[in-house]
Amino acid sequence: MGRYRASGDRMKAEAPKDVNRIFVEDGHLIDEALKQGVRDAVLRHKEAGLPVVICREGKAVRVMPKELGF
């Protein structure tokens, strides 16, 4: 079953995406985007003087960005 996208008055079938291929071929781009997003979020928290929530030993804990090297 294909997915459809509205295009004017007609519906077009979208080609199914091969998720495994995307991760294999472009996985490094995904990793870099996630790293940059985390860095940006931590820097915003640092500027605002707020802690970030991370997972330590299976528990959510609040830490200040400077404790993470920012």
C-alpha atoms as a PDB file:
ATOM      1  CA  MET A   1       0.000   0.000   0.000  1.00  0.00           C
ATOM      2  CA  GLY A   2       1.595   3.295  -1.082  1.00  0.00           C
ATOM      3  CA  ARG A   3       1.376   6.622   0.617  1.00  0.00           C
ATOM      4  CA  TYR A   4      -0.233   9.505  -1.166  1.00  0.00           C
ATOM      5  CA  ARG A   5       0.572  13.182  -1.298  1.00  0.00           C
ATOM      6  CA  ALA A   6      -1.831  15.920  -2.313  1.00  0.00           C
ATOM      7  CA  SER A   7      -0.759  17.735  -5.447  1.00  0.00           C
ATOM      8  CA  GLY A   8      -3.441  20.066  -6.684  1.00  0.00           C
ATOM      9  CA  ASP A   9      -6.583  18.063  -7.367  1.00  0.00           C
ATOM     10  CA  ARG A  10      -4.756  14.771  -7.873  1.00  0.00           C
ATOM     11  CA  MET A  11      -3.113  12.376  -5.471  1.00  0.00           C
ATOM     12  CA  LYS A  12       0.309  10.973  -6.320  1.00  0.00           C
ATOM     13  CA  ALA A  13       1.757   7.779  -4.900  1.00  0.00           C
ATOM     14  CA  GLU A  14       5.073   8.371  -3.117  1.00  0.00           C
ATOM     15  CA  ALA A  15       7.846   5.880  -3.661  1.00  0.00           C
ATOM     16  CA  PRO A  16       8.411   3.812  -0.507  1.00  0.00           C
ATOM     17  CA  LYS A  17      11.585   4.810   1.306  1.00  0.00           C
ATOM     18  CA  ASP A  18      14.202   2.192   2.136  1.00  0.00           C
ATOM     19  CA  VAL A  19      15.003   3.167   5.715  1.00  0.00           C
ATOM     20  CA  ASN A  20      17.920   0.732   5.999  1.00  0.00           C
ATOM     21  CA  ARG A  21      19.541   2.222   2.893  1.00  0.00           C
ATOM     22  CA  ILE A  22      19.128   5.726   4.282  1.00  0.00           C
ATOM     23  CA  PHE A  23      20.855   4.759   7.538  1.00  0.00           C
ATOM     24  CA  VAL A  24      23.687   2.973   5.735  1.00  0.00           C
ATOM     25  CA  GLU A  25      24.324   5.643   3.109  1.00  0.00           C
ATOM     26  CA  ASP A  26      23.487   8.773   5.099  1.00  0.00           C
ATOM     27  CA  GLY A  27      23.895   7.589   8.688  1.00  0.00           C
ATOM     28  CA  HIS A  28      26.854   9.879   9.283  1.00  0.00           C
ATOM     29  CA  LEU A  29      24.704  12.876   8.319  1.00  0.00           C
ATOM     30  CA  ILE A  30      22.021  11.799  10.777  1.00  0.00           C
ATOM     31  CA  ASP A  31      24.640  11.375  13.526  1.00  0.00           C
ATOM     32  CA  GLU A  32      26.110  14.817  12.856  1.00  0.00           C
ATOM     33  CA  ALA A  33      22.668  16.460  12.866  1.00  0.00           C
ATOM     34  CA  LEU A  34      21.839  14.854  16.221  1.00  0.00           C
ATOM     35  CA  LYS A  35      25.187  15.887  17.716  1.00  0.00           C
ATOM     36  CA  GLN A  36      24.682  19.472  16.542  1.00  0.00           C
ATOM     37  CA  GLY A  37      21.144  19.535  17.929  1.00  0.00           C
ATOM     38  CA  VAL A  38      22.297  18.327  21.348  1.00  0.00           C
ATOM     39  CA  ARG A  39      25.154  20.831  21.355  1.00  0.00           C
ATOM     40  CA  ASP A  40      22.795  23.692  20.475  1.00  0.00           C
ATOM     41  CA  ALA A  41      20.330  22.663  23.192  1.00  0.00           C
ATOM     42  CA  VAL A  42      23.030  22.394  25.861  1.00  0.00           C
ATOM     43  CA  LEU A  43      24.453  25.789  24.892  1.00  0.00           C
ATOM     44  CA  ARG A  44      20.983  27.360  25.134  1.00  0.00           C
ATOM     45  CA  HIS A  45      20.585  25.865  28.600  1.00  0.00           C
ATOM     46  CA  LYS A  46      24.017  27.197  29.561  1.00  0.00           C
ATOM     47  CA  GLU A  47      23.142  30.702  28.374  1.00  0.00           C
ATOM     48  CA  ALA A  48      19.891  30.577  30.360  1.00  0.00           C
ATOM     49  CA  GLY A  49      21.615  29.190  33.470  1.00  0.00           C
ATOM     50  CA  LEU A  50      19.456  26.060  33.390  1.00  0.00           C
ATOM     51  CA  PRO A  51      20.365  22.422  33.950  1.00  0.00           C
ATOM     52  CA  VAL A  52      19.959  19.739  31.303  1.00  0.00           C
ATOM     53  CA  VAL A  53      18.446  16.344  31.960  1.00  0.00           C
ATOM     54  CA  ILE A  54      20.595  13.321  31.130  1.00  0.00           C
ATOM     55  CA  CYS A  55      20.466   9.623  31.909  1.00  0.00           C
ATOM     56  CA  ARG A  56      22.966   8.299  34.475  1.00  0.00           C
ATOM     57  CA  GLU A  57      22.869   4.667  35.558  1.00  0.00           C
ATOM     58  CA  GLY A  58      19.333   4.349  34.207  1.00  0.00           C
ATOM     59  CA  LYS A  59      17.982   7.402  36.043  1.00  0.00           C
ATOM     60  CA  ALA A  60      17.141  10.888  34.812  1.00  0.00           C
ATOM     61  CA  VAL A  61      19.313  13.492  36.525  1.00  0.00           C
ATOM     62  CA  ARG A  62      19.717  17.245  36.157  1.00  0.00           C
ATOM     63  CA  VAL A  63      23.219  18.575  35.575  1.00  0.00           C
ATOM     64  CA  MET A  64      24.579  21.966  34.729  1.00  0.00           C
ATOM     65  CA  PRO A  65      26.159  22.255  31.257  1.00  0.00           C
ATOM     66  CA  LYS A  66      29.563  23.099  32.803  1.00  0.00           C
ATOM     67  CA  GLU A  67      29.567  19.597  34.374  1.00  0.00           C
ATOM     68  CA  LEU A  68      29.376  18.230  30.810  1.00  0.00           C
ATOM     69  CA  GLY A  69      32.275  20.339  29.577  1.00  0.00           C
ATOM     70  CA  PHE A  70      30.312  23.241  28.077  1.00  0.00           C
END
